Amino acid sequence: MNSTTILQAVTVGSAVLLVIAILLQQRGASLGAGFGGSNELYTTRRGLDKNLFEVTIVLAVIFVLSILISLVVPNLK
């Protein structure tokens, strides 16, 4: 396996895990809350919800970095 294949695998794997992590998150307040319809606009994340939120951020950073690396160094050998 060369480094290009590994980088592609990291990109695809982080993309799939990122989609799963986003879909697993609980839905927040509805659209009306953004316009003052609810008091649930700012809530504190706790427990599993907080951990899933942090994992989502880490996966997003890994995904973006892997794409940027593949753009900067297109032909790793």
Protein backbone atom coordinates (compact mmCIF):
# COMPACT_ATOMS: atom_id res chain seq x y z
CA MET A 1 0.00 0.00 0.00
CA ASN A 2 1.35 3.36 -0.92
CA SER A 3 0.59 6.58 0.91
CA THR A 4 -1.95 7.74 -1.69
CA THR A 5 -4.09 4.68 -1.05
CA ILE A 6 -3.85 5.18 2.70
CA LEU A 7 -4.82 8.85 2.34
CA GLN A 8 -7.81 7.93 0.19
CA ALA A 9 -8.89 5.31 2.72
CA VAL A 10 -8.63 7.86 5.53
CA THR A 11 -10.70 10.36 3.54
CA VAL A 12 -13.44 7.86 2.68
CA GLY A 13 -13.47 6.35 6.17
CA SER A 14 -13.69 9.71 7.90
CA ALA A 15 -16.46 10.80 5.50
CA VAL A 16 -18.56 7.72 6.26
CA LEU A 17 -18.00 8.03 10.02
CA LEU A 18 -18.78 11.76 9.87
CA VAL A 19 -22.11 11.12 8.17
CA ILE A 20 -22.98 8.47 10.77
CA ALA A 21 -21.97 10.76 13.65
CA ILE A 22 -24.10 13.60 12.28
CA LEU A 23 -27.11 11.35 11.80
CA LEU A 24 -26.81 9.95 15.34
CA GLN A 25 -26.98 13.36 16.98
CA GLN A 26 -30.25 14.33 18.56
CA ARG A 27 -32.24 16.95 16.81
CA GLY A 28 -32.14 20.26 18.59
CA ALA A 29 -34.86 22.82 18.70
CA SER A 30 -37.15 23.16 15.74
CA LEU A 31 -36.94 25.87 13.12
CA GLY A 32 -39.28 28.09 15.11
CA ALA A 33 -36.81 28.24 18.00
CA GLY A 34 -34.41 30.21 15.86
CA PHE A 35 -36.97 32.99 15.69
CA GLY A 36 -37.79 33.07 19.39
CA GLY A 37 -40.48 30.42 19.45
CA SER A 38 -38.78 28.32 22.11
CA ASN A 39 -36.41 28.66 25.04
CA GLU A 40 -34.34 25.64 23.93
CA LEU A 41 -32.02 27.53 21.62
CA TYR A 42 -29.03 27.35 23.97
CA THR A 43 -28.69 24.08 25.81
CA THR A 44 -25.81 22.39 27.56
CA ARG A 45 -24.63 19.15 26.04
CA ARG A 46 -24.14 16.36 28.56
CA GLY A 47 -23.10 12.74 28.55
CA LEU A 48 -23.24 10.82 25.30
CA ASP A 49 -24.51 13.85 23.40
CA LYS A 50 -21.40 15.84 24.36
CA ASN A 51 -19.06 12.97 23.46
CA LEU A 52 -20.76 12.47 20.10
CA PHE A 53 -20.52 16.21 19.40
CA GLU A 54 -16.78 16.20 20.14
CA VAL A 55 -16.20 13.08 18.01
CA THR A 56 -18.06 14.79 15.15
CA ILE A 57 -15.73 17.77 15.37
CA VAL A 58 -12.64 15.53 15.38
CA LEU A 59 -13.93 13.56 12.37
CA ALA A 60 -14.64 16.78 10.48
CA VAL A 61 -11.11 18.05 11.15
CA ILE A 62 -9.60 14.71 10.01
CA PHE A 63 -11.75 14.78 6.87
CA VAL A 64 -10.81 18.35 5.93
CA LEU A 65 -7.11 17.79 6.67
CA SER A 66 -7.01 14.65 4.57
CA ILE A 67 -8.54 16.51 1.63
CA LEU A 68 -6.14 19.44 2.04
CA ILE A 69 -3.15 17.09 2.19
CA SER A 70 -4.29 15.32 -0.96
CA LEU A 71 -4.60 18.69 -2.73
CA VAL A 72 -1.22 19.99 -1.60
CA VAL A 73 0.68 16.77 -2.25
CA PRO A 74 -1.25 15.05 -5.05
CA ASN A 75 1.29 12.36 -5.94
CA LEU A 76 2.68 10.89 -2.74
CA LYS A 77 4.95 7.94 -3.36
